[in-house]
């Protein structure tokens, strides 16, 4: 039975080196991690702003942050988190529909 954190979406700032491929592999080796997706959001002369999506079972947030920091990154925010027996898809609310107008 699944427990704990199952999905994390993190906004992270990191230097260009090490490459995101190395960070993804490092995160994928952590206990409970089933998959890692890293998307480049913005790049400047010295840093990259990336979105990291991690899926697994009973993810250890502190260990994930520690690993990101070992690769030179800083977590700016937790943009999404899911916990429990299954991951629930986000539902549209009336406020979301108002943003369309």
PDB file of N, CA and C in Angstrom:
ATOM      1  N   UNK A   1       0.840  -1.179   0.000  1.00  0.00           N
ATOM      2  CA  UNK A   1       0.000   0.000   0.000  1.00  0.00           C
ATOM      3  C   UNK A   1       0.887   1.245   0.000  1.00  0.00           C
ATOM      4  N   UNK A   2       0.581   2.179  -0.874  1.00  0.00           N
ATOM      5  CA  UNK A   2       1.354   3.410  -0.975  1.00  0.00           C
ATOM      6  C   UNK A   2       1.103   4.299   0.233  1.00  0.00           C
ATOM      7  N   UNK A   3       2.119   5.040   0.605  1.00  0.00           N
ATOM      8  CA  UNK A   3       1.978   5.973   1.708  1.00  0.00           C
ATOM      9  C   UNK A   3       2.922   7.134   1.484  1.00  0.00           C
ATOM     10  N   UNK A   4       2.690   8.217   2.221  1.00  0.00           N
ATOM     11  CA  UNK A   4       3.593   9.355   2.143  1.00  0.00           C
ATOM     12  C   UNK A   4       3.461  10.141   0.859  1.00  0.00           C
ATOM     13  N   UNK A   5       4.498  10.903   0.566  1.00  0.00           N
ATOM     14  CA  UNK A   5       4.514  11.772  -0.621  1.00  0.00           C
ATOM     15  C   UNK A   5       4.745  10.916  -1.854  1.00  0.00           C
ATOM     16  N   UNK A   6       3.902  11.123  -2.883  1.00  0.00           N
ATOM     17  CA  UNK A   6       3.997  10.345  -4.124  1.00  0.00           C
ATOM     18  C   UNK A   6       4.430  11.176  -5.314  1.00  0.00           C
ATOM     19  N   UNK A   7       4.227  12.513  -5.235  1.00  0.00           N
ATOM     20  CA  UNK A   7       4.559  13.407  -6.344  1.00  0.00           C
ATOM     21  C   UNK A   7       5.058  14.719  -5.778  1.00  0.00           C
ATOM     22  N   UNK A   8       6.161  15.212  -6.315  1.00  0.00           N
ATOM     23  CA  UNK A   8       6.682  16.530  -5.971  1.00  0.00           C
ATOM     24  C   UNK A   8       7.007  17.270  -7.255  1.00  0.00           C
ATOM     25  N   UNK A   9       6.604  18.531  -7.337  1.00  0.00           N
ATOM     26  CA  UNK A   9       7.006  19.409  -8.425  1.00  0.00           C
ATOM     27  C   UNK A   9       7.709  20.592  -7.775  1.00  0.00           C
ATOM     28  N   UNK A  10       8.986  20.753  -8.092  1.00  0.00           N
ATOM     29  CA  UNK A  10       9.820  21.762  -7.448  1.00  0.00           C
ATOM     30  C   UNK A  10      10.337  22.778  -8.451  1.00  0.00           C
ATOM     31  N   UNK A  11      10.345  24.047  -8.047  1.00  0.00           N
ATOM     32  CA  UNK A  11      10.966  25.132  -8.813  1.00  0.00           C
ATOM     33  C   UNK A  11      12.376  25.285  -8.262  1.00  0.00           C
ATOM     34  N   UNK A  12      13.387  25.078  -9.109  1.00  0.00           N
ATOM     35  CA  UNK A  12      14.781  25.027  -8.661  1.00  0.00           C
ATOM     36  C   UNK A  12      15.639  25.946  -9.523  1.00  0.00           C
ATOM     37  N   UNK A  13      16.592  26.623  -8.873  1.00  0.00           N
ATOM     38  CA  UNK A  13      17.613  27.405  -9.561  1.00  0.00           C
ATOM     39  C   UNK A  13      18.937  26.684  -9.384  1.00  0.00           C
ATOM     40  N   UNK A  14      19.668  26.473 -10.496  1.00  0.00           N
ATOM     41  CA  UNK A  14      20.946  25.762 -10.427  1.00  0.00           C
ATOM     42  C   UNK A  14      21.944  26.377 -11.389  1.00  0.00           C
ATOM     43  N   UNK A  15      23.236  26.181 -11.125  1.00  0.00           N
ATOM     44  CA  UNK A  15      24.243  26.622 -12.094  1.00  0.00           C
ATOM     45  C   UNK A  15      24.190  25.729 -13.343  1.00  0.00           C
ATOM     46  N   UNK A  16      24.835  26.175 -14.422  1.00  0.00           N
ATOM     47  CA  UNK A  16      24.833  25.381 -15.652  1.00  0.00           C
ATOM     48  C   UNK A  16      25.481  24.009 -15.451  1.00  0.00           C
ATOM     49  N   UNK A  17      26.492  23.942 -14.611  1.00  0.00           N
ATOM     50  CA  UNK A  17      27.168  22.678 -14.335  1.00  0.00           C
ATOM     51  C   UNK A  17      26.937  22.294 -12.890  1.00  0.00           C
ATOM     52  N   UNK A  18      26.662  21.073 -12.562  1.00  0.00           N
ATOM     53  CA  UNK A  18      26.536  19.937 -13.472  1.00  0.00           C
ATOM     54  C   UNK A  18      25.264  20.015 -14.315  1.00  0.00           C
ATOM     55  N   UNK A  19      25.252  19.261 -15.385  1.00  0.00           N
ATOM     56  CA  UNK A  19      24.128  19.269 -16.323  1.00  0.00           C
ATOM     57  C   UNK A  19      22.881  18.644 -15.683  1.00  0.00           C
ATOM     58  N   UNK A  20      21.715  18.990 -16.225  1.00  0.00           N
ATOM     59  CA  UNK A  20      20.459  18.455 -15.699  1.00  0.00           C
ATOM     60  C   UNK A  20      20.390  16.936 -15.819  1.00  0.00           C
ATOM     61  N   UNK A  21      21.081  16.374 -16.799  1.00  0.00           N
ATOM     62  CA  UNK A  21      21.094  14.913 -16.927  1.00  0.00           C
ATOM     63  C   UNK A  21      21.733  14.268 -15.697  1.00  0.00           C
ATOM     64  N   UNK A  22      22.805  14.868 -15.203  1.00  0.00           N
ATOM     65  CA  UNK A  22      23.467  14.343 -14.011  1.00  0.00           C
ATOM     66  C   UNK A  22      22.575  14.480 -12.783  1.00  0.00           C
ATOM     67  N   UNK A  23      21.897  15.622 -12.655  1.00  0.00           N
ATOM     68  CA  UNK A  23      20.977  15.842 -11.535  1.00  0.00           C
ATOM     69  C   UNK A  23      19.830  14.837 -11.589  1.00  0.00           C
ATOM     70  N   UNK A  24      19.269  14.620 -12.770  1.00  0.00           N
ATOM     71  CA  UNK A  24      18.168  13.664 -12.915  1.00  0.00           C
ATOM     72  C   UNK A  24      18.600  12.260 -12.494  1.00  0.00           C
ATOM     73  N   UNK A  25      19.778  11.847 -12.915  1.00  0.00           N
ATOM     74  CA  UNK A  25      20.280  10.521 -12.540  1.00  0.00           C
ATOM     75  C   UNK A  25      20.527  10.429 -11.040  1.00  0.00           C
ATOM     76  N   UNK A  26      21.073  11.478 -10.453  1.00  0.00           N
ATOM     77  CA  UNK A  26      21.309  11.497  -9.015  1.00  0.00           C
ATOM     78  C   UNK A  26      20.016  11.381  -8.229  1.00  0.00           C
ATOM     79  N   UNK A  27      18.997  12.116  -8.637  1.00  0.00           N
ATOM     80  CA  UNK A  27      17.702  12.052  -7.960  1.00  0.00           C
ATOM     81  C   UNK A  27      17.030  10.694  -8.168  1.00  0.00           C
ATOM     82  N   UNK A  28      17.196  10.116  -9.351  1.00  0.00           N
ATOM     83  CA  UNK A  28      16.534   8.844  -9.651  1.00  0.00           C
ATOM     84  C   UNK A  28      17.076   7.699  -8.810  1.00  0.00           C
ATOM     85  N   UNK A  29      18.266   7.864  -8.233  1.00  0.00           N
ATOM     86  CA  UNK A  29      18.867   6.812  -7.417  1.00  0.00           C
ATOM     87  C   UNK A  29      18.395   6.844  -5.964  1.00  0.00           C
ATOM     88  N   UNK A  30      17.640   7.875  -5.573  1.00  0.00           N
ATOM     89  CA  UNK A  30      17.177   7.974  -4.190  1.00  0.00           C
ATOM     90  C   UNK A  30      16.101   6.940  -3.895  1.00  0.00           C
ATOM     91  N   UNK A  31      16.057   6.493  -2.652  1.00  0.00           N
ATOM     92  CA  UNK A  31      15.072   5.507  -2.220  1.00  0.00           C
ATOM     93  C   UNK A  31      13.650   6.029  -2.451  1.00  0.00           C
ATOM     94  N   UNK A  32      12.818   5.193  -3.044  1.00  0.00           N
ATOM     95  CA  UNK A  32      11.416   5.526  -3.265  1.00  0.00           C
ATOM     96  C   UNK A  32      11.118   6.252  -4.558  1.00  0.00           C
ATOM     97  N   UNK A  33      12.146   6.693  -5.280  1.00  0.00           N
ATOM     98  CA  UNK A  33      11.939   7.453  -6.523  1.00  0.00           C
ATOM     99  C   UNK A  33      11.734   6.488  -7.680  1.00  0.00           C
ATOM    100  N   UNK A  34      10.589   6.630  -8.370  1.00  0.00           N
ATOM    101  CA  UNK A  34      10.297   5.820  -9.556  1.00  0.00           C
ATOM    102  C   UNK A  34      10.664   6.543 -10.843  1.00  0.00           C
ATOM    103  N   UNK A  35      10.574   7.886 -10.834  1.00  0.00           N
ATOM    104  CA  UNK A  35      10.880   8.639 -12.039  1.00  0.00           C
ATOM    105  C   UNK A  35      11.143  10.098 -11.752  1.00  0.00           C
ATOM    106  N   UNK A  36      11.977  10.702 -12.612  1.00  0.00           N
ATOM    107  CA  UNK A  36      12.344  12.116 -12.492  1.00  0.00           C
ATOM    108  C   UNK A  36      12.215  12.755 -13.865  1.00  0.00           C
ATOM    109  N   UNK A  37      11.596  13.920 -13.898  1.00  0.00           N
ATOM    110  CA  UNK A  37      11.475  14.701 -15.125  1.00  0.00           C
ATOM    111  C   UNK A  37      11.979  16.101 -14.806  1.00  0.00           C
ATOM    112  N   UNK A  38      12.919  16.602 -15.607  1.00  0.00           N
ATOM    113  CA  UNK A  38      13.426  17.963 -15.416  1.00  0.00           C
ATOM    114  C   UNK A  38      13.166  18.756 -16.688  1.00  0.00           C
ATOM    115  N   UNK A  39      12.521  19.916 -16.518  1.00  0.00           N
ATOM    116  CA  UNK A  39      12.205  20.800 -17.633  1.00  0.00           C
ATOM    117  C   UNK A  39      12.916  22.129 -17.433  1.00  0.00           C
ATOM    118  N   UNK A  40      13.623  22.586 -18.459  1.00  0.00           N
ATOM    119  CA  UNK A  40      14.273  23.885 -18.418  1.00  0.00           C
ATOM    120  C   UNK A  40      13.213  24.970 -18.626  1.00  0.00           C
ATOM    121  N   UNK A  41      13.116  25.880 -17.674  1.00  0.00           N
ATOM    122  CA  UNK A  41      12.116  26.946 -17.737  1.00  0.00           C
ATOM    123  C   UNK A  41      12.738  28.231 -18.274  1.00  0.00           C
ATOM    124  N   UNK A  42      13.928  28.564 -17.753  1.00  0.00           N
ATOM    125  CA  UNK A  42      14.595  29.804 -18.148  1.00  0.00           C
ATOM    126  C   UNK A  42      16.092  29.632 -17.947  1.00  0.00           C
ATOM    127  N   UNK A  43      16.853  30.313 -18.783  1.00  0.00           N
ATOM    128  CA  UNK A  43      18.307  30.218 -18.693  1.00  0.00           C
ATOM    129  C   UNK A  43      18.889  31.622 -18.800  1.00  0.00           C
ATOM    130  N   UNK A  44      19.933  31.892 -18.014  1.00  0.00           N
ATOM    131  CA  UNK A  44      20.649  33.150 -18.172  1.00  0.00           C
ATOM    132  C   UNK A  44      22.139  32.846 -18.226  1.00  0.00           C
ATOM    133  N   UNK A  45      22.962  33.856 -18.084  1.00  0.00           N
ATOM    134  CA  UNK A  45      24.405  33.703 -18.257  1.00  0.00           C
ATOM    135  C   UNK A  45      25.019  32.682 -17.292  1.00  0.00           C
ATOM    136  N   UNK A  46      24.525  32.640 -16.038  1.00  0.00           N
ATOM    137  CA  UNK A  46      25.158  31.792 -15.042  1.00  0.00           C
ATOM    138  C   UNK A  46      24.268  30.689 -14.469  1.00  0.00           C
ATOM    139  N   UNK A  47      22.957  30.799 -14.618  1.00  0.00           N
ATOM    140  CA  UNK A  47      22.058  29.849 -13.955  1.00  0.00           C
ATOM    141  C   UNK A  47      20.959  29.340 -14.877  1.00  0.00           C
ATOM    142  N   UNK A  48      20.312  28.286 -14.413  1.00  0.00           N
ATOM    143  CA  UNK A  48      19.154  27.702 -15.090  1.00  0.00           C
ATOM    144  C   UNK A  48      18.023  27.596 -14.074  1.00  0.00           C
ATOM    145  N   UNK A  49      16.840  28.025 -14.468  1.00  0.00           N
ATOM    146  CA  UNK A  49      15.651  27.807 -13.658  1.00  0.00           C
ATOM    147  C   UNK A  49      14.981  26.570 -14.234  1.00  0.00           C
ATOM    148  N   UNK A  50      14.789  25.554 -13.378  1.00  0.00           N
ATOM    149  CA  UNK A  50      14.244  24.285 -13.856  1.00  0.00           C
ATOM    150  C   UNK A  50      13.045  23.870 -13.010  1.00  0.00           C
ATOM    151  N   UNK A  51      12.177  23.074 -13.616  1.00  0.00           N
ATOM    152  CA  UNK A  51      11.066  22.450 -12.903  1.00  0.00           C
ATOM    153  C   UNK A  51      11.399  20.970 -12.799  1.00  0.00           C
ATOM    154  N   UNK A  52      11.431  20.460 -11.560  1.00  0.00           N
ATOM    155  CA  UNK A  52      11.727  19.052 -11.332  1.00  0.00           C
ATOM    156  C   UNK A  52      10.451  18.361 -10.864  1.00  0.00           C
ATOM    157  N   UNK A  53      10.049  17.325 -11.582  1.00  0.00           N
ATOM    158  CA  UNK A  53       8.901  16.511 -11.195  1.00  0.00           C
ATOM    159  C   UNK A  53       9.432  15.139 -10.793  1.00  0.00           C
ATOM    160  N   UNK A  54       9.086  14.723  -9.575  1.00  0.00           N
ATOM    161  CA  UNK A  54       9.546  13.441  -9.050  1.00  0.00           C
ATOM    162  C   UNK A  54       8.327  12.630  -8.632  1.00  0.00           C
ATOM    163  N   UNK A  55       8.272  11.384  -9.090  1.00  0.00           N
ATOM    164  CA  UNK A  55       7.181  10.480  -8.755  1.00  0.00           C
ATOM    165  C   UNK A  55       7.766   9.256  -8.073  1.00  0.00           C
ATOM    166  N   UNK A  56       7.069   8.772  -7.059  1.00  0.00           N
ATOM    167  CA  UNK A  56       7.531   7.581  -6.370  1.00  0.00           C
ATOM    168  C   UNK A  56       6.610   7.219  -5.229  1.00  0.00           C
ATOM    169  N   UNK A  57       7.154   6.527  -4.256  1.00  0.00           N
ATOM    170  CA  UNK A  57       6.383   6.086  -3.104  1.00  0.00           C
ATOM    171  C   UNK A  57       7.130   6.479  -1.841  1.00  0.00           C
ATOM    172  N   UNK A  58       6.473   7.233  -0.996  1.00  0.00           N
ATOM    173  CA  UNK A  58       7.062   7.667   0.272  1.00  0.00           C
ATOM    174  C   UNK A  58       8.347   8.463   0.046  1.00  0.00           C
ATOM    175  N   UNK A  59       8.268   9.476  -0.834  1.00  0.00           N
ATOM    176  CA  UNK A  59       9.428  10.306  -1.157  1.00  0.00           C
ATOM    177  C   UNK A  59       9.895  11.065   0.078  1.00  0.00           C
ATOM    178  N   UNK A  60      11.199  11.162   0.240  1.00  0.00           N
ATOM    179  CA  UNK A  60      11.808  11.872   1.364  1.00  0.00           C
ATOM    180  C   UNK A  60      12.197  13.273   0.892  1.00  0.00           C
ATOM    181  N   UNK A  61      11.370  14.266   1.216  1.00  0.00           N
ATOM    182  CA  UNK A  61      11.589  15.635   0.747  1.00  0.00           C
ATOM    183  C   UNK A  61      12.961  16.149   1.175  1.00  0.00           C
ATOM    184  N   UNK A  62      13.342  15.945   2.430  1.00  0.00           N
ATOM    185  CA  UNK A  62      14.623  16.451   2.918  1.00  0.00           C
ATOM    186  C   UNK A  62      15.804  15.849   2.156  1.00  0.00           C
ATOM    187  N   UNK A  63      15.715  14.558   1.868  1.00  0.00           N
ATOM    188  CA  UNK A  63      16.785  13.897   1.107  1.00  0.00           C
ATOM    189  C   UNK A  63      16.843  14.428  -0.324  1.00  0.00           C
ATOM    190  N   UNK A  64      15.693  14.702  -0.902  1.00  0.00           N
ATOM    191  CA  UNK A  64      15.638  15.257  -2.258  1.00  0.00           C
ATOM    192  C   UNK A  64      16.276  16.639  -2.272  1.00  0.00           C
ATOM    193  N   UNK A  65      15.922  17.492  -1.309  1.00  0.00           N
ATOM    194  CA  UNK A  65      16.501  18.840  -1.234  1.00  0.00           C
ATOM    195  C   UNK A  65      18.011  18.755  -1.029  1.00  0.00           C
ATOM    196  N   UNK A  66      18.452  17.875  -0.149  1.00  0.00           N
ATOM    197  CA  UNK A  66      19.880  17.696   0.114  1.00  0.00           C
ATOM    198  C   UNK A  66      20.620  17.310  -1.174  1.00  0.00           C
ATOM    199  N   UNK A  67      20.026  16.421  -1.954  1.00  0.00           N
ATOM    200  CA  UNK A  67      20.648  15.998  -3.212  1.00  0.00           C
ATOM    201  C   UNK A  67      20.710  17.151  -4.205  1.00  0.00           C
ATOM    202  N   UNK A  68      19.634  17.916  -4.318  1.00  0.00           N
ATOM    203  CA  UNK A  68      19.628  19.080  -5.215  1.00  0.00           C
ATOM    204  C   UNK A  68      20.716  20.064  -4.800  1.00  0.00           C
ATOM    205  N   UNK A  69      20.856  20.301  -3.503  1.00  0.00           N
ATOM    206  CA  UNK A  69      21.880  21.220  -3.005  1.00  0.00           C
ATOM    207  C   UNK A  69      23.284  20.689  -3.272  1.00  0.00           C
ATOM    208  N   UNK A  70      23.483  19.373  -3.186  1.00  0.00           N
ATOM    209  CA  UNK A  70      24.789  18.777  -3.503  1.00  0.00           C
ATOM    210  C   UNK A  70      25.171  19.020  -4.958  1.00  0.00           C
ATOM    211  N   UNK A  71      24.184  19.162  -5.822  1.00  0.00           N
ATOM    212  CA  UNK A  71      24.415  19.462  -7.233  1.00  0.00           C
ATOM    213  C   UNK A  71      24.443  20.965  -7.495  1.00  0.00           C
ATOM    214  N   UNK A  72      24.434  21.777  -6.415  1.00  0.00           N
ATOM    215  CA  UNK A  72      24.553  23.227  -6.554  1.00  0.00           C
ATOM    216  C   UNK A  72      23.239  23.966  -6.719  1.00  0.00           C
ATOM    217  N   UNK A  73      22.121  23.261  -6.590  1.00  0.00           N
ATOM    218  CA  UNK A  73      20.814  23.881  -6.793  1.00  0.00           C
ATOM    219  C   UNK A  73      20.199  24.397  -5.504  1.00  0.00           C
ATOM    220  N   UNK A  74      19.181  25.239  -5.675  1.00  0.00           N
ATOM    221  CA  UNK A  74      18.413  25.792  -4.561  1.00  0.00           C
ATOM    222  C   UNK A  74      16.931  25.637  -4.892  1.00  0.00           C
ATOM    223  N   UNK A  75      16.158  25.059  -3.973  1.00  0.00           N
ATOM    224  CA  UNK A  75      14.718  24.921  -4.175  1.00  0.00           C
ATOM    225  C   UNK A  75      14.059  26.250  -3.846  1.00  0.00           C
ATOM    226  N   UNK A  76      13.388  26.840  -4.852  1.00  0.00           N
ATOM    227  CA  UNK A  76      12.655  28.093  -4.638  1.00  0.00           C
ATOM    228  C   UNK A  76      11.284  27.836  -4.044  1.00  0.00           C
ATOM    229  N   UNK A  77      10.605  26.783  -4.530  1.00  0.00           N
ATOM    230  CA  UNK A  77       9.252  26.517  -4.036  1.00  0.00           C
ATOM    231  C   UNK A  77       8.833  25.094  -4.372  1.00  0.00           C
ATOM    232  N   UNK A  78       7.852  24.630  -3.593  1.00  0.00           N
ATOM    233  CA  UNK A  78       7.147  23.395  -3.922  1.00  0.00           C
ATOM    234  C   UNK A  78       5.915  23.835  -4.706  1.00  0.00           C
ATOM    235  N   UNK A  79       5.873  23.507  -5.989  1.00  0.00           N
ATOM    236  CA  UNK A  79       4.763  23.947  -6.831  1.00  0.00           C
ATOM    237  C   UNK A  79       3.585  22.984  -6.814  1.00  0.00           C
ATOM    238  N   UNK A  80       3.839  21.725  -6.470  1.00  0.00           N
ATOM    239  CA  UNK A  80       2.761  20.749  -6.362  1.00  0.00           C
ATOM    240  C   UNK A  80       3.248  19.592  -5.508  1.00  0.00           C
ATOM    241  N   UNK A  81       2.338  19.021  -4.742  1.00  0.00           N
ATOM    242  CA  UNK A  81       2.652  17.837  -3.947  1.00  0.00           C
ATOM    243  C   UNK A  81       1.422  16.942  -3.921  1.00  0.00           C
ATOM    244  N   UNK A  82       1.634  15.642  -3.985  1.00  0.00           N
ATOM    245  CA  UNK A  82       0.531  14.682  -3.876  1.00  0.00           C
ATOM    246  C   UNK A  82       0.949  13.597  -2.894  1.00  0.00           C
ATOM    247  N   UNK A  83      -0.008  13.172  -2.083  1.00  0.00           N
ATOM    248  CA  UNK A  83       0.253  12.125  -1.098  1.00  0.00           C
ATOM    249  C   UNK A  83      -0.958  11.211  -1.019  1.00  0.00           C
ATOM    250  N   UNK A  84      -0.748  10.020  -0.475  1.00  0.00           N
ATOM    251  CA  UNK A  84      -1.852   9.092  -0.298  1.00  0.00           C
ATOM    252  C   UNK A  84      -1.715   7.856  -1.150  1.00  0.00           C
ATOM    253  N   UNK A  85      -2.819   7.138  -1.304  1.00  0.00           N
ATOM    254  CA  UNK A  85      -2.810   5.873  -2.035  1.00  0.00           C
ATOM    255  C   UNK A  85      -2.662   6.060  -3.537  1.00  0.00           C
ATOM    256  N   UNK A  86      -3.115   7.211  -4.052  1.00  0.00           N
ATOM    257  CA  UNK A  86      -2.983   7.461  -5.488  1.00  0.00           C
ATOM    258  C   UNK A  86      -2.848   8.950  -5.747  1.00  0.00           C
ATOM    259  N   UNK A  87      -2.365   9.289  -6.930  1.00  0.00           N
ATOM    260  CA  UNK A  87      -2.200  10.684  -7.323  1.00  0.00           C
ATOM    261  C   UNK A  87      -3.502  11.152  -7.960  1.00  0.00           C
ATOM    262  N   UNK A  88      -4.029  12.260  -7.453  1.00  0.00           N
ATOM    263  CA  UNK A  88      -5.275  12.829  -7.948  1.00  0.00           C
ATOM    264  C   UNK A  88      -4.953  13.911  -8.969  1.00  0.00           C
ATOM    265  N   UNK A  89      -5.590  13.852 -10.125  1.00  0.00           N
ATOM    266  CA  UNK A  89      -5.414  14.892 -11.136  1.00  0.00           C
ATOM    267  C   UNK A  89      -6.073  16.186 -10.655  1.00  0.00           C
ATOM    268  N   UNK A  90      -5.454  17.301 -10.981  1.00  0.00           N
ATOM    269  CA  UNK A  90      -6.009  18.596 -10.617  1.00  0.00           C
ATOM    270  C   UNK A  90      -7.349  18.802 -11.324  1.00  0.00           C
ATOM    271  N   UNK A  91      -8.310  19.375 -10.618  1.00  0.00           N
ATOM    272  CA  UNK A  91      -9.624  19.657 -11.185  1.00  0.00           C
ATOM    273  C   UNK A  91      -9.782  21.145 -11.429  1.00  0.00           C
ATOM    274  N   UNK A  92     -10.513  21.478 -12.475  1.00  0.00           N
ATOM    275  CA  UNK A  92     -10.786  22.877 -12.771  1.00  0.00           C
ATOM    276  C   UNK A  92     -11.820  23.413 -11.790  1.00  0.00           C
ATOM    277  N   UNK A  93     -11.611  24.637 -11.333  1.00  0.00           N
ATOM    278  CA  UNK A  93     -12.542  25.291 -10.424  1.00  0.00           C
ATOM    279  C   UNK A  93     -13.176  26.480 -11.121  1.00  0.00           C
ATOM    280  N   UNK A  94     -14.254  27.034 -10.569  1.00  0.00           N
ATOM    281  CA  UNK A  94     -14.851  28.230 -11.181  1.00  0.00           C
ATOM    282  C   UNK A  94     -13.852  29.379 -11.319  1.00  0.00           C
ATOM    283  N   UNK A  95     -12.923  29.513 -10.379  1.00  0.00           N
ATOM    284  CA  UNK A  95     -11.920  30.568 -10.468  1.00  0.00           C
ATOM    285  C   UNK A  95     -11.013  30.372 -11.682  1.00  0.00           C
ATOM    286  N   UNK A  96     -10.709  29.122 -12.024  1.00  0.00           N
ATOM    287  CA  UNK A  96      -9.886  28.844 -13.194  1.00  0.00           C
ATOM    288  C   UNK A  96     -10.588  29.303 -14.464  1.00  0.00           C
ATOM    289  N   UNK A  97     -11.890  29.098 -14.516  1.00  0.00           N
ATOM    290  CA  UNK A  97     -12.653  29.504 -15.709  1.00  0.00           C
ATOM    291  C   UNK A  97     -12.699  31.014 -15.829  1.00  0.00           C
ATOM    292  N   UNK A  98     -12.709  31.743 -14.713  1.00  0.00           N
ATOM    293  CA  UNK A  98     -12.725  33.208 -14.747  1.00  0.00           C
ATOM    294  C   UNK A  98     -11.452  33.760 -15.372  1.00  0.00           C
ATOM    295  N   UNK A  99     -10.340  33.069 -15.200  1.00  0.00           N
ATOM    296  CA  UNK A  99      -9.060  33.523 -15.760  1.00  0.00           C
ATOM    297  C   UNK A  99      -9.079  33.500 -17.279  1.00  0.00           C
ATOM    298  N   UNK A 100      -9.959  32.732 -17.889  1.00  0.00           N
ATOM    299  CA  UNK A 100     -10.045  32.648 -19.350  1.00  0.00           C
ATOM    300  C   UNK A 100     -10.626  33.905 -19.963  1.00  0.00           C
ATOM    301  N   UNK A 101     -11.375  34.683 -19.166  1.00  0.00           N
ATOM    302  CA  UNK A 101     -12.065  35.871 -19.712  1.00  0.00           C
ATOM    303  C   UNK A 101     -11.262  37.112 -19.612  1.00  0.00           C
TER     304      UNK A 101
END
